């Protein structure tokens, strides 16, 4: 699996594509709501609203990245811990 990840055969974000239809319904509703709200706002308020939407998107991307990094680090820590346990068990078996 690690070789496939390294070679680009596994793309960590691919799993998100499975939920596309569910996400498309939500995206459509968000787009409709944003269009409705922007129609009510003045140009200055609309600009500020668009800036806020951009900031929310930036925050979401940053949060997703940090969640990925944390999850990956936890996975590596689990693998190292399991590897240490296996080595300890092998050592104990050899000394019996």
Protein backbone atom coordinates (compact mmCIF):
# COMPACT_ATOMS: atom_id res chain seq x y z
CA UNK A 1 0.00 0.00 0.00
CA UNK A 2 2.81 2.43 0.82
CA UNK A 3 4.43 1.78 -2.56
CA UNK A 4 1.12 2.45 -4.32
CA UNK A 5 0.72 5.68 -2.32
CA UNK A 6 4.26 6.74 -3.21
CA UNK A 7 3.78 5.84 -6.89
CA UNK A 8 0.60 7.90 -7.06
CA UNK A 9 -1.66 4.89 -7.58
CA UNK A 10 -3.53 5.75 -4.41
CA UNK A 11 -4.77 9.29 -4.03
CA UNK A 12 -5.90 10.00 -0.46
CA UNK A 13 -8.59 12.44 -1.57
CA UNK A 14 -10.27 9.95 -3.93
CA UNK A 15 -12.61 8.63 -1.27
CA UNK A 16 -14.39 11.98 -1.38
CA UNK A 17 -15.54 11.29 -4.93
CA UNK A 18 -17.83 8.56 -3.61
CA UNK A 19 -20.00 11.15 -1.94
CA UNK A 20 -20.33 13.41 -4.96
CA UNK A 21 -24.09 13.08 -5.43
CA UNK A 22 -24.78 13.92 -1.78
CA UNK A 23 -22.38 16.82 -1.92
CA UNK A 24 -23.83 18.13 -5.19
CA UNK A 25 -27.26 18.49 -3.57
CA UNK A 26 -25.74 20.49 -0.72
CA UNK A 27 -23.65 22.60 -3.10
CA UNK A 28 -26.73 23.40 -5.17
CA UNK A 29 -28.63 24.53 -2.07
CA UNK A 30 -25.68 26.68 -0.93
CA UNK A 31 -25.37 28.26 -4.39
CA UNK A 32 -29.09 29.05 -4.46
CA UNK A 33 -28.90 30.61 -1.00
CA UNK A 34 -25.81 32.68 -1.87
CA UNK A 35 -27.51 33.90 -5.05
CA UNK A 36 -30.62 34.87 -3.08
CA UNK A 37 -28.62 36.72 -0.42
CA UNK A 38 -26.40 38.55 -2.93
CA UNK A 39 -29.54 39.75 -4.69
CA UNK A 40 -30.63 41.46 -1.46
CA UNK A 41 -27.32 43.16 -0.69
CA UNK A 42 -25.85 46.45 -1.84
CA UNK A 43 -22.63 46.33 -3.86
CA UNK A 44 -20.51 47.13 -0.78
CA UNK A 45 -22.29 44.53 1.37
CA UNK A 46 -22.09 41.99 -1.45
CA UNK A 47 -18.33 42.51 -1.69
CA UNK A 48 -17.97 41.99 2.06
CA UNK A 49 -20.19 38.88 1.89
CA UNK A 50 -18.03 37.43 -0.91
CA UNK A 51 -14.89 38.12 1.14
CA UNK A 52 -16.46 36.27 4.08
CA UNK A 53 -17.29 33.29 1.84
CA UNK A 54 -13.68 33.19 0.65
CA UNK A 55 -12.40 33.29 4.22
CA UNK A 56 -14.75 30.42 5.18
CA UNK A 57 -13.48 28.37 2.24
CA UNK A 58 -9.85 29.09 3.21
CA UNK A 59 -10.59 28.01 6.79
CA UNK A 60 -12.23 24.80 5.58
CA UNK A 61 -9.22 23.93 3.40
CA UNK A 62 -6.82 24.64 6.25
CA UNK A 63 -8.88 22.55 8.66
CA UNK A 64 -9.08 19.65 6.19
CA UNK A 65 -5.31 19.76 5.71
CA UNK A 66 -4.64 19.72 9.45
CA UNK A 67 -7.10 16.87 9.96
CA UNK A 68 -5.33 14.86 7.26
CA UNK A 69 -1.90 15.52 8.76
CA UNK A 70 -3.10 14.60 12.25
CA UNK A 71 -4.78 11.40 11.01
CA UNK A 72 -1.71 10.39 9.03
CA UNK A 73 0.56 11.00 12.02
CA UNK A 74 -1.75 8.94 14.25
CA UNK A 75 -1.71 6.11 11.70
CA UNK A 76 2.09 6.14 11.61
CA UNK A 77 2.24 6.15 15.41
CA UNK A 78 -0.07 3.12 15.54
CA UNK A 79 2.09 1.27 12.99
CA UNK A 80 5.25 2.03 14.95
CA UNK A 81 3.60 0.93 18.19
CA UNK A 82 2.38 -2.33 16.62
CA UNK A 83 5.83 -2.91 15.12
CA UNK A 84 7.43 -2.44 18.53
CA UNK A 85 4.95 -4.90 20.07
CA UNK A 86 5.69 -7.49 17.38
CA UNK A 87 9.45 -7.11 17.94
CA UNK A 88 8.98 -7.47 21.69
CA UNK A 89 6.86 -10.61 21.23
CA UNK A 90 9.44 -12.10 18.84
CA UNK A 91 12.20 -11.35 21.35
CA UNK A 92 10.23 -12.97 24.17
CA UNK A 93 9.59 -16.07 22.05
CA UNK A 94 13.31 -16.41 21.31
CA UNK A 95 14.21 -16.22 25.01
CA UNK A 96 11.76 -18.91 26.09
